[in-house]
Each structure stands twice: as C-alpha cells, then as structure tokens.
Amino acid sequence: MDGLSEDRLMTFDEFVSYLADALDLTGVSISPETTLHDDLDLDSLQMQELGLVMYELGAEVIEEMIPTIETLADLYNLYHTRVSAEYSSARYPRFGFDDD
C-alpha cells in the first residue's frame, strides 16, 4: 500500500489505524497528542518498524528527523507533507532546462 489511495491522502484516523495494525498497538488511547515514547511506549525495534511503515507509505523518516517526531500529529504531518509533495511532483512535473 502506498500513501495515496484513489488520488487522496489517508485521513488522520485511517493513518493511525494503519499504524496500529502494522505495529500491533492494542488497548491504547490514541489522539493527535499521543506521544510515541511516553504514551505508546515504543521501543527501538518498534521505532525501526515504524520507520519501515512510513517508508512503505511514501514518507521516509531520515535519522535526523527522529528527535523532532514526538506525537502522532507530528508523524501524520510528516506523512501528509511528504506524500503530498510526491503526489504533486508526479502530477505536475517541473520542466527544467539545462545550461548546456
């Protein structure tokens, strides 16, 4: 599954549901303010899995970004920004000119 379905991004609820299934998160109260470490208690292995899930969705998380991603809202915003940009560039490619 990529981050787009029928030319649209997942909603926050769809995104969280997808993550919960992929990371086997059960019995946890989830909101945009839910923190990855304190509320979800993700360990290093789960954080790696989360990175793979985000990559599958078209929103690769580079190592330098990890400290800035604290909540599910942060993670969703990253997904939304990355996938929107990818979709936009695929739909409306730039026409560049070489200086040759």
PDB file of N, CA and C in Angstrom:
ATOM      1  N   MET A   1       0.841  -1.186   0.000  1.00  0.00           N
ATOM      2  CA  MET A   1       0.000   0.000   0.000  1.00  0.00           C
ATOM      3  C   MET A   1       0.871   1.229   0.000  1.00  0.00           C
ATOM      4  N   ASP A   2       0.578   2.165  -0.848  1.00  0.00           N
ATOM      5  CA  ASP A   2       1.309   3.416  -0.789  1.00  0.00           C
ATOM      6  C   ASP A   2       0.460   4.428  -0.032  1.00  0.00           C
ATOM      7  N   GLY A   3       0.991   5.645   0.138  1.00  0.00           N
ATOM      8  CA  GLY A   3       0.314   6.646   0.936  1.00  0.00           C
ATOM      9  C   GLY A   3      -0.893   7.251   0.272  1.00  0.00           C
ATOM     10  N   LEU A   4      -1.116   6.940  -0.998  1.00  0.00           N
ATOM     11  CA  LEU A   4      -2.248   7.506  -1.716  1.00  0.00           C
ATOM     12  C   LEU A   4      -3.214   6.412  -2.104  1.00  0.00           C
ATOM     13  N   SER A   5      -4.466   6.708  -2.001  1.00  0.00           N
ATOM     14  CA  SER A   5      -5.500   5.784  -2.419  1.00  0.00           C
ATOM     15  C   SER A   5      -6.524   6.590  -3.199  1.00  0.00           C
ATOM     16  N   GLU A   6      -6.688   6.240  -4.455  1.00  0.00           N
ATOM     17  CA  GLU A   6      -7.607   6.967  -5.311  1.00  0.00           C
ATOM     18  C   GLU A   6      -7.333   8.468  -5.280  1.00  0.00           C
ATOM     19  N   ASP A   7      -6.062   8.837  -5.446  1.00  0.00           N
ATOM     20  CA  ASP A   7      -5.638  10.241  -5.509  1.00  0.00           C
ATOM     21  C   ASP A   7      -5.943  11.034  -4.243  1.00  0.00           C
ATOM     22  N   ARG A   8      -5.867  10.402  -3.099  1.00  0.00           N
ATOM     23  CA  ARG A   8      -6.067  11.154  -1.863  1.00  0.00           C
ATOM     24  C   ARG A   8      -5.178  10.599  -0.766  1.00  0.00           C
ATOM     25  N   LEU A   9      -4.911  11.446   0.187  1.00  0.00           N
ATOM     26  CA  LEU A   9      -4.143  11.034   1.346  1.00  0.00           C
ATOM     27  C   LEU A   9      -5.057  10.362   2.361  1.00  0.00           C
ATOM     28  N   MET A  10      -4.474   9.553   3.204  1.00  0.00           N
ATOM     29  CA  MET A  10      -5.247   8.978   4.298  1.00  0.00           C
ATOM     30  C   MET A  10      -5.613  10.088   5.280  1.00  0.00           C
ATOM     31  N   THR A  11      -6.761   9.954   5.892  1.00  0.00           N
ATOM     32  CA  THR A  11      -7.116  10.856   6.980  1.00  0.00           C
ATOM     33  C   THR A  11      -6.275  10.476   8.194  1.00  0.00           C
ATOM     34  N   PHE A  12      -6.283  11.315   9.216  1.00  0.00           N
ATOM     35  CA  PHE A  12      -5.549  11.001  10.432  1.00  0.00           C
ATOM     36  C   PHE A  12      -6.021   9.667  11.012  1.00  0.00           C
ATOM     37  N   ASP A  13      -7.333   9.466  11.066  1.00  0.00           N
ATOM     38  CA  ASP A  13      -7.868   8.217  11.627  1.00  0.00           C
ATOM     39  C   ASP A  13      -7.442   6.999  10.816  1.00  0.00           C
ATOM     40  N   GLU A  14      -7.460   7.103   9.494  1.00  0.00           N
ATOM     41  CA  GLU A  14      -7.009   5.997   8.641  1.00  0.00           C
ATOM     42  C   GLU A  14      -5.520   5.723   8.859  1.00  0.00           C
ATOM     43  N   PHE A  15      -4.759   6.796   8.959  1.00  0.00           N
ATOM     44  CA  PHE A  15      -3.316   6.700   9.171  1.00  0.00           C
ATOM     45  C   PHE A  15      -3.015   5.987  10.490  1.00  0.00           C
ATOM     46  N   VAL A  16      -3.681   6.426  11.555  1.00  0.00           N
ATOM     47  CA  VAL A  16      -3.461   5.837  12.871  1.00  0.00           C
ATOM     48  C   VAL A  16      -3.904   4.374  12.887  1.00  0.00           C
ATOM     49  N   SER A  17      -5.003   4.075  12.248  1.00  0.00           N
ATOM     50  CA  SER A  17      -5.474   2.697  12.169  1.00  0.00           C
ATOM     51  C   SER A  17      -4.450   1.819  11.451  1.00  0.00           C
ATOM     52  N   TYR A  18      -3.909   2.338  10.367  1.00  0.00           N
ATOM     53  CA  TYR A  18      -2.883   1.608   9.614  1.00  0.00           C
ATOM     54  C   TYR A  18      -1.659   1.351  10.489  1.00  0.00           C
ATOM     55  N   LEU A  19      -1.210   2.386  11.206  1.00  0.00           N
ATOM     56  CA  LEU A  19      -0.053   2.230  12.095  1.00  0.00           C
ATOM     57  C   LEU A  19      -0.343   1.231  13.205  1.00  0.00           C
ATOM     58  N   ALA A  20      -1.528   1.329  13.796  1.00  0.00           N
ATOM     59  CA  ALA A  20      -1.889   0.433  14.893  1.00  0.00           C
ATOM     60  C   ALA A  20      -1.868  -1.020  14.444  1.00  0.00           C
ATOM     61  N   ASP A  21      -2.377  -1.281  13.247  1.00  0.00           N
ATOM     62  CA  ASP A  21      -2.345  -2.643  12.706  1.00  0.00           C
ATOM     63  C   ASP A  21      -0.918  -3.090  12.435  1.00  0.00           C
ATOM     64  N   ALA A  22      -0.138  -2.217  11.806  1.00  0.00           N
ATOM     65  CA  ALA A  22       1.228  -2.568  11.422  1.00  0.00           C
ATOM     66  C   ALA A  22       2.129  -2.791  12.635  1.00  0.00           C
ATOM     67  N   LEU A  23       1.916  -2.016  13.694  1.00  0.00           N
ATOM     68  CA  LEU A  23       2.767  -2.113  14.881  1.00  0.00           C
ATOM     69  C   LEU A  23       2.132  -2.906  16.014  1.00  0.00           C
ATOM     70  N   ASP A  24       0.961  -3.461  15.755  1.00  0.00           N
ATOM     71  CA  ASP A  24       0.238  -4.263  16.739  1.00  0.00           C
ATOM     72  C   ASP A  24       0.015  -3.495  18.043  1.00  0.00           C
ATOM     73  N   LEU A  25      -0.508  -2.274  17.892  1.00  0.00           N
ATOM     74  CA  LEU A  25      -0.825  -1.435  19.049  1.00  0.00           C
ATOM     75  C   LEU A  25      -2.274  -1.679  19.435  1.00  0.00           C
ATOM     76  N   THR A  26      -2.472  -2.259  20.594  1.00  0.00           N
ATOM     77  CA  THR A  26      -3.829  -2.534  21.053  1.00  0.00           C
ATOM     78  C   THR A  26      -4.023  -1.970  22.457  1.00  0.00           C
ATOM     79  N   GLY A  27      -5.256  -1.608  22.753  1.00  0.00           N
ATOM     80  CA  GLY A  27      -5.587  -1.135  24.085  1.00  0.00           C
ATOM     81  C   GLY A  27      -4.978   0.195  24.467  1.00  0.00           C
ATOM     82  N   VAL A  28      -4.667   1.017  23.478  1.00  0.00           N
ATOM     83  CA  VAL A  28      -4.049   2.309  23.739  1.00  0.00           C
ATOM     84  C   VAL A  28      -4.988   3.407  23.268  1.00  0.00           C
ATOM     85  N   SER A  29      -5.170   4.405  24.098  1.00  0.00           N
ATOM     86  CA  SER A  29      -5.964   5.567  23.704  1.00  0.00           C
ATOM     87  C   SER A  29      -5.135   6.403  22.745  1.00  0.00           C
ATOM     88  N   ILE A  30      -5.713   6.708  21.582  1.00  0.00           N
ATOM     89  CA  ILE A  30      -4.956   7.400  20.547  1.00  0.00           C
ATOM     90  C   ILE A  30      -5.631   8.711  20.181  1.00  0.00           C
ATOM     91  N   SER A  31      -4.809   9.755  20.137  1.00  0.00           N
ATOM     92  CA  SER A  31      -5.236  11.077  19.698  1.00  0.00           C
ATOM     93  C   SER A  31      -4.038  11.730  19.020  1.00  0.00           C
ATOM     94  N   PRO A  32      -4.230  12.884  18.401  1.00  0.00           N
ATOM     95  CA  PRO A  32      -3.076  13.554  17.793  1.00  0.00           C
ATOM     96  C   PRO A  32      -1.961  13.857  18.795  1.00  0.00           C
ATOM     97  N   GLU A  33      -2.318  14.052  20.065  1.00  0.00           N
ATOM     98  CA  GLU A  33      -1.331  14.390  21.090  1.00  0.00           C
ATOM     99  C   GLU A  33      -0.643  13.170  21.697  1.00  0.00           C
ATOM    100  N   THR A  34      -1.050  11.973  21.304  1.00  0.00           N
ATOM    101  CA  THR A  34      -0.437  10.748  21.815  1.00  0.00           C
ATOM    102  C   THR A  34       1.041  10.747  21.457  1.00  0.00           C
ATOM    103  N   THR A  35       1.891  10.550  22.477  1.00  0.00           N
ATOM    104  CA  THR A  35       3.337  10.550  22.233  1.00  0.00           C
ATOM    105  C   THR A  35       3.819   9.144  21.908  1.00  0.00           C
ATOM    106  N   LEU A  36       4.837   9.093  21.063  1.00  0.00           N
ATOM    107  CA  LEU A  36       5.370   7.799  20.636  1.00  0.00           C
ATOM    108  C   LEU A  36       6.080   7.073  21.771  1.00  0.00           C
ATOM    109  N   HIS A  37       6.818   7.820  22.571  1.00  0.00           N
ATOM    110  CA  HIS A  37       7.608   7.176  23.615  1.00  0.00           C
ATOM    111  C   HIS A  37       6.840   7.029  24.926  1.00  0.00           C
ATOM    112  N   ASP A  38       6.261   8.104  25.425  1.00  0.00           N
ATOM    113  CA  ASP A  38       5.607   8.048  26.735  1.00  0.00           C
ATOM    114  C   ASP A  38       4.274   7.314  26.697  1.00  0.00           C
ATOM    115  N   ASP A  39       3.417   7.641  25.728  1.00  0.00           N
ATOM    116  CA  ASP A  39       2.089   7.037  25.681  1.00  0.00           C
ATOM    117  C   ASP A  39       2.080   5.662  25.010  1.00  0.00           C
ATOM    118  N   LEU A  40       2.752   5.555  23.885  1.00  0.00           N
ATOM    119  CA  LEU A  40       2.759   4.274  23.163  1.00  0.00           C
ATOM    120  C   LEU A  40       3.885   3.359  23.620  1.00  0.00           C
ATOM    121  N   ASP A  41       4.867   3.935  24.308  1.00  0.00           N
ATOM    122  CA  ASP A  41       5.988   3.165  24.849  1.00  0.00           C
ATOM    123  C   ASP A  41       6.684   2.336  23.771  1.00  0.00           C
ATOM    124  N   LEU A  42       6.935   2.966  22.610  1.00  0.00           N
ATOM    125  CA  LEU A  42       7.601   2.255  21.524  1.00  0.00           C
ATOM    126  C   LEU A  42       9.071   2.047  21.854  1.00  0.00           C
ATOM    127  N   ASP A  43       9.538   0.818  21.716  1.00  0.00           N
ATOM    128  CA  ASP A  43      10.949   0.537  21.941  1.00  0.00           C
ATOM    129  C   ASP A  43      11.719   0.735  20.637  1.00  0.00           C
ATOM    130  N   SER A  44      13.010   0.497  20.667  1.00  0.00           N
ATOM    131  CA  SER A  44      13.838   0.769  19.490  1.00  0.00           C
ATOM    132  C   SER A  44      13.444  -0.108  18.297  1.00  0.00           C
ATOM    133  N   LEU A  45      13.065  -1.349  18.549  1.00  0.00           N
ATOM    134  CA  LEU A  45      12.636  -2.234  17.460  1.00  0.00           C
ATOM    135  C   LEU A  45      11.339  -1.718  16.829  1.00  0.00           C
ATOM    136  N   GLN A  46      10.398  -1.302  17.666  1.00  0.00           N
ATOM    137  CA  GLN A  46       9.145  -0.756  17.144  1.00  0.00           C
ATOM    138  C   GLN A  46       9.380   0.555  16.392  1.00  0.00           C
ATOM    139  N   MET A  47      10.343   1.346  16.840  1.00  0.00           N
ATOM    140  CA  MET A  47      10.665   2.580  16.120  1.00  0.00           C
ATOM    141  C   MET A  47      11.234   2.253  14.732  1.00  0.00           C
ATOM    142  N   GLN A  48      12.032   1.192  14.643  1.00  0.00           N
ATOM    143  CA  GLN A  48      12.535   0.763  13.332  1.00  0.00           C
ATOM    144  C   GLN A  48      11.383   0.288  12.455  1.00  0.00           C
ATOM    145  N   GLU A  49      10.461  -0.467  13.043  1.00  0.00           N
ATOM    146  CA  GLU A  49       9.285  -0.922  12.303  1.00  0.00           C
ATOM    147  C   GLU A  49       8.467   0.282  11.835  1.00  0.00           C
ATOM    148  N   LEU A  50       8.332   1.268  12.696  1.00  0.00           N
ATOM    149  CA  LEU A  50       7.610   2.486  12.342  1.00  0.00           C
ATOM    150  C   LEU A  50       8.271   3.170  11.158  1.00  0.00           C
ATOM    151  N   GLY A  51       9.593   3.212  11.151  1.00  0.00           N
ATOM    152  CA  GLY A  51      10.321   3.780  10.023  1.00  0.00           C
ATOM    153  C   GLY A  51      10.030   3.037   8.724  1.00  0.00           C
ATOM    154  N   LEU A  52       9.950   1.710   8.798  1.00  0.00           N
ATOM    155  CA  LEU A  52       9.633   0.907   7.613  1.00  0.00           C
ATOM    156  C   LEU A  52       8.202   1.153   7.137  1.00  0.00           C
ATOM    157  N   VAL A  53       7.273   1.262   8.080  1.00  0.00           N
ATOM    158  CA  VAL A  53       5.881   1.533   7.728  1.00  0.00           C
ATOM    159  C   VAL A  53       5.779   2.895   7.039  1.00  0.00           C
ATOM    160  N   MET A  54       6.459   3.885   7.581  1.00  0.00           N
ATOM    161  CA  MET A  54       6.420   5.219   6.981  1.00  0.00           C
ATOM    162  C   MET A  54       7.027   5.191   5.572  1.00  0.00           C
ATOM    163  N   TYR A  55       8.093   4.423   5.404  1.00  0.00           N
ATOM    164  CA  TYR A  55       8.709   4.275   4.084  1.00  0.00           C
ATOM    165  C   TYR A  55       7.722   3.650   3.102  1.00  0.00           C
ATOM    166  N   GLU A  56       7.008   2.612   3.554  1.00  0.00           N
ATOM    167  CA  GLU A  56       6.010   1.958   2.707  1.00  0.00           C
ATOM    168  C   GLU A  56       4.903   2.928   2.298  1.00  0.00           C
ATOM    169  N   LEU A  57       4.618   3.877   3.170  1.00  0.00           N
ATOM    170  CA  LEU A  57       3.576   4.867   2.885  1.00  0.00           C
ATOM    171  C   LEU A  57       4.086   6.017   2.027  1.00  0.00           C
ATOM    172  N   GLY A  58       5.378   6.004   1.705  1.00  0.00           N
ATOM    173  CA  GLY A  58       5.944   7.058   0.874  1.00  0.00           C
ATOM    174  C   GLY A  58       6.434   8.259   1.657  1.00  0.00           C
ATOM    175  N   ALA A  59       6.658   8.070   2.957  1.00  0.00           N
ATOM    176  CA  ALA A  59       7.093   9.172   3.818  1.00  0.00           C
ATOM    177  C   ALA A  59       8.305   8.737   4.624  1.00  0.00           C
ATOM    178  N   GLU A  60       9.419   8.550   3.939  1.00  0.00           N
ATOM    179  CA  GLU A  60      10.630   8.087   4.600  1.00  0.00           C
ATOM    180  C   GLU A  60      11.026   9.041   5.726  1.00  0.00           C
ATOM    181  N   VAL A  61      11.396   8.460   6.854  1.00  0.00           N
ATOM    182  CA  VAL A  61      11.856   9.235   8.006  1.00  0.00           C
ATOM    183  C   VAL A  61      13.377   9.121   8.051  1.00  0.00           C
ATOM    184  N   ILE A  62      14.058  10.237   7.847  1.00  0.00           N
ATOM    185  CA  ILE A  62      15.516  10.194   7.937  1.00  0.00           C
ATOM    186  C   ILE A  62      15.924  10.352   9.399  1.00  0.00           C
ATOM    187  N   GLU A  63      17.072   9.825   9.720  1.00  0.00           N
ATOM    188  CA  GLU A  63      17.522   9.748  11.108  1.00  0.00           C
ATOM    189  C   GLU A  63      17.514  11.096  11.822  1.00  0.00           C
ATOM    190  N   GLU A  64      17.869  12.155  11.116  1.00  0.00           N
ATOM    191  CA  GLU A  64      17.917  13.475  11.732  1.00  0.00           C
ATOM    192  C   GLU A  64      16.537  13.976  12.163  1.00  0.00           C
ATOM    193  N   MET A  65      15.484  13.420  11.581  1.00  0.00           N
ATOM    194  CA  MET A  65      14.124  13.844  11.910  1.00  0.00           C
ATOM    195  C   MET A  65      13.596  13.206  13.187  1.00  0.00           C
ATOM    196  N   ILE A  66      14.118  12.074  13.553  1.00  0.00           N
ATOM    197  CA  ILE A  66      13.560  11.292  14.652  1.00  0.00           C
ATOM    198  C   ILE A  66      13.376  12.102  15.942  1.00  0.00           C
ATOM    199  N   PRO A  67      14.365  12.893  16.358  1.00  0.00           N
ATOM    200  CA  PRO A  67      14.152  13.644  17.604  1.00  0.00           C
ATOM    201  C   PRO A  67      13.017  14.668  17.534  1.00  0.00           C
ATOM    202  N   THR A  68      12.628  15.085  16.346  1.00  0.00           N
ATOM    203  CA  THR A  68      11.572  16.095  16.214  1.00  0.00           C
ATOM    204  C   THR A  68      10.175  15.483  16.152  1.00  0.00           C
ATOM    205  N   ILE A  69      10.106  14.166  16.050  1.00  0.00           N
ATOM    206  CA  ILE A  69       8.809  13.483  15.952  1.00  0.00           C
ATOM    207  C   ILE A  69       8.447  12.941  17.325  1.00  0.00           C
ATOM    208  N   GLU A  70       7.575  13.651  18.010  1.00  0.00           N
ATOM    209  CA  GLU A  70       7.202  13.254  19.359  1.00  0.00           C
ATOM    210  C   GLU A  70       5.792  12.672  19.450  1.00  0.00           C
ATOM    211  N   THR A  71       4.877  13.180  18.632  1.00  0.00           N
ATOM    212  CA  THR A  71       3.473  12.776  18.739  1.00  0.00           C
ATOM    213  C   THR A  71       2.980  12.161  17.436  1.00  0.00           C
ATOM    214  N   LEU A  72       1.797  11.568  17.508  1.00  0.00           N
ATOM    215  CA  LEU A  72       1.179  11.045  16.288  1.00  0.00           C
ATOM    216  C   LEU A  72       0.854  12.174  15.319  1.00  0.00           C
ATOM    217  N   ALA A  73       0.533  13.347  15.835  1.00  0.00           N
ATOM    218  CA  ALA A  73       0.291  14.506  14.962  1.00  0.00           C
ATOM    219  C   ALA A  73       1.557  14.857  14.192  1.00  0.00           C
ATOM    220  N   ASP A  74       2.717  14.838  14.856  1.00  0.00           N
ATOM    221  CA  ASP A  74       3.994  15.092  14.172  1.00  0.00           C
ATOM    222  C   ASP A  74       4.207  14.079  13.056  1.00  0.00           C
ATOM    223  N   LEU A  75       3.949  12.826  13.366  1.00  0.00           N
ATOM    224  CA  LEU A  75       4.143  11.751  12.398  1.00  0.00           C
ATOM    225  C   LEU A  75       3.180  11.891  11.220  1.00  0.00           C
ATOM    226  N   TYR A  76       1.930  12.211  11.504  1.00  0.00           N
ATOM    227  CA  TYR A  76       0.949  12.399  10.443  1.00  0.00           C
ATOM    228  C   TYR A  76       1.311  13.605   9.580  1.00  0.00           C
ATOM    229  N   ASN A  77       1.766  14.674  10.203  1.00  0.00           N
ATOM    230  CA  ASN A  77       2.171  15.855   9.433  1.00  0.00           C
ATOM    231  C   ASN A  77       3.327  15.532   8.498  1.00  0.00           C
ATOM    232  N   LEU A  78       4.265  14.722   8.964  1.00  0.00           N
ATOM    233  CA  LEU A  78       5.369  14.286   8.100  1.00  0.00           C
ATOM    234  C   LEU A  78       4.827  13.482   6.928  1.00  0.00           C
ATOM    235  N   TYR A  79       3.965  12.518   7.222  1.00  0.00           N
ATOM    236  CA  TYR A  79       3.338  11.715   6.170  1.00  0.00           C
ATOM    237  C   TYR A  79       2.619  12.619   5.164  1.00  0.00           C
ATOM    238  N   HIS A  80       1.804  13.501   5.666  1.00  0.00           N
ATOM    239  CA  HIS A  80       0.997  14.373   4.812  1.00  0.00           C
ATOM    240  C   HIS A  80       1.886  15.249   3.926  1.00  0.00           C
ATOM    241  N   THR A  81       2.907  15.841   4.521  1.00  0.00           N
ATOM    242  CA  THR A  81       3.811  16.723   3.770  1.00  0.00           C
ATOM    243  C   THR A  81       4.578  15.963   2.707  1.00  0.00           C
ATOM    244  N   ARG A  82       5.148  14.833   3.088  1.00  0.00           N
ATOM    245  CA  ARG A  82       5.962  14.055   2.145  1.00  0.00           C
ATOM    246  C   ARG A  82       5.134  13.487   0.994  1.00  0.00           C
ATOM    247  N   VAL A  83       4.019  12.886   1.312  1.00  0.00           N
ATOM    248  CA  VAL A  83       3.216  12.235   0.284  1.00  0.00           C
ATOM    249  C   VAL A  83       2.540  13.287  -0.601  1.00  0.00           C
ATOM    250  N   SER A  84       2.119  14.394  -0.029  1.00  0.00           N
ATOM    251  CA  SER A  84       1.530  15.471  -0.832  1.00  0.00           C
ATOM    252  C   SER A  84       2.535  16.006  -1.831  1.00  0.00           C
ATOM    253  N   ALA A  85       3.763  16.206  -1.378  1.00  0.00           N
ATOM    254  CA  ALA A  85       4.813  16.710  -2.259  1.00  0.00           C
ATOM    255  C   ALA A  85       5.122  15.711  -3.367  1.00  0.00           C
ATOM    256  N   GLU A  86       5.174  14.422  -3.011  1.00  0.00           N
ATOM    257  CA  GLU A  86       5.442  13.382  -4.002  1.00  0.00           C
ATOM    258  C   GLU A  86       4.326  13.324  -5.040  1.00  0.00           C
ATOM    259  N   TYR A  87       3.100  13.376  -4.570  1.00  0.00           N
ATOM    260  CA  TYR A  87       1.947  13.334  -5.469  1.00  0.00           C
ATOM    261  C   TYR A  87       1.926  14.555  -6.377  1.00  0.00           C
ATOM    262  N   SER A  88       2.192  15.705  -5.803  1.00  0.00           N
ATOM    263  CA  SER A  88       2.178  16.950  -6.570  1.00  0.00           C
ATOM    264  C   SER A  88       3.253  16.937  -7.649  1.00  0.00           C
ATOM    265  N   SER A  89       4.449  16.487  -7.301  1.00  0.00           N
ATOM    266  CA  SER A  89       5.531  16.477  -8.290  1.00  0.00           C
ATOM    267  C   SER A  89       5.283  15.433  -9.369  1.00  0.00           C
ATOM    268  N   ALA A  90       4.615  14.332  -9.025  1.00  0.00           N
ATOM    269  CA  ALA A  90       4.292  13.321 -10.028  1.00  0.00           C
ATOM    270  C   ALA A  90       3.177  13.809 -10.952  1.00  0.00           C
ATOM    271  N   ARG A  91       2.256  14.548 -10.386  1.00  0.00           N
ATOM    272  CA  ARG A  91       1.126  15.027 -11.169  1.00  0.00           C
ATOM    273  C   ARG A  91       1.484  16.247 -12.004  1.00  0.00           C
ATOM    274  N   TYR A  92       2.308  17.103 -11.437  1.00  0.00           N
ATOM    275  CA  TYR A  92       2.710  18.339 -12.110  1.00  0.00           C
ATOM    276  C   TYR A  92       4.230  18.412 -12.157  1.00  0.00           C
ATOM    277  N   PRO A  93       4.845  17.660 -13.060  1.00  0.00           N
ATOM    278  CA  PRO A  93       6.310  17.642 -13.105  1.00  0.00           C
ATOM    279  C   PRO A  93       6.876  19.005 -13.488  1.00  0.00           C
ATOM    280  N   ARG A  94       8.045  19.262 -12.952  1.00  0.00           N
ATOM    281  CA  ARG A  94       8.748  20.505 -13.305  1.00  0.00           C
ATOM    282  C   ARG A  94       9.440  20.308 -14.637  1.00  0.00           C
ATOM    283  N   PHE A  95       9.455  21.368 -15.396  1.00  0.00           N
ATOM    284  CA  PHE A  95      10.173  21.333 -16.658  1.00  0.00           C
ATOM    285  C   PHE A  95      11.426  22.185 -16.494  1.00  0.00           C
ATOM    286  N   GLY A  96      12.565  21.520 -16.443  1.00  0.00           N
ATOM    287  CA  GLY A  96      13.819  22.227 -16.242  1.00  0.00           C
ATOM    288  C   GLY A  96      14.574  22.339 -17.550  1.00  0.00           C
ATOM    289  N   PHE A  97      15.464  23.260 -17.563  1.00  0.00           N
ATOM    290  CA  PHE A  97      16.303  23.477 -18.725  1.00  0.00           C
ATOM    291  C   PHE A  97      17.743  23.381 -18.293  1.00  0.00           C
ATOM    292  N   ASP A  98      18.506  22.629 -19.063  1.00  0.00           N
ATOM    293  CA  ASP A  98      19.933  22.522 -18.771  1.00  0.00           C
ATOM    294  C   ASP A  98      20.647  23.709 -19.383  1.00  0.00           C
ATOM    295  N   ASP A  99      21.780  24.072 -18.787  1.00  0.00           N
ATOM    296  CA  ASP A  99      22.563  25.203 -19.282  1.00  0.00           C
ATOM    297  C   ASP A  99      23.562  24.773 -20.345  1.00  0.00           C
ATOM    298  N   ASP A 100      23.342  23.629 -20.956  1.00  0.00           N
ATOM    299  CA  ASP A 100      24.280  23.125 -21.979  1.00  0.00           C
ATOM    300  C   ASP A 100      24.213  23.889 -23.251  1.00  0.00           C
TER     301      ASP A 100
END
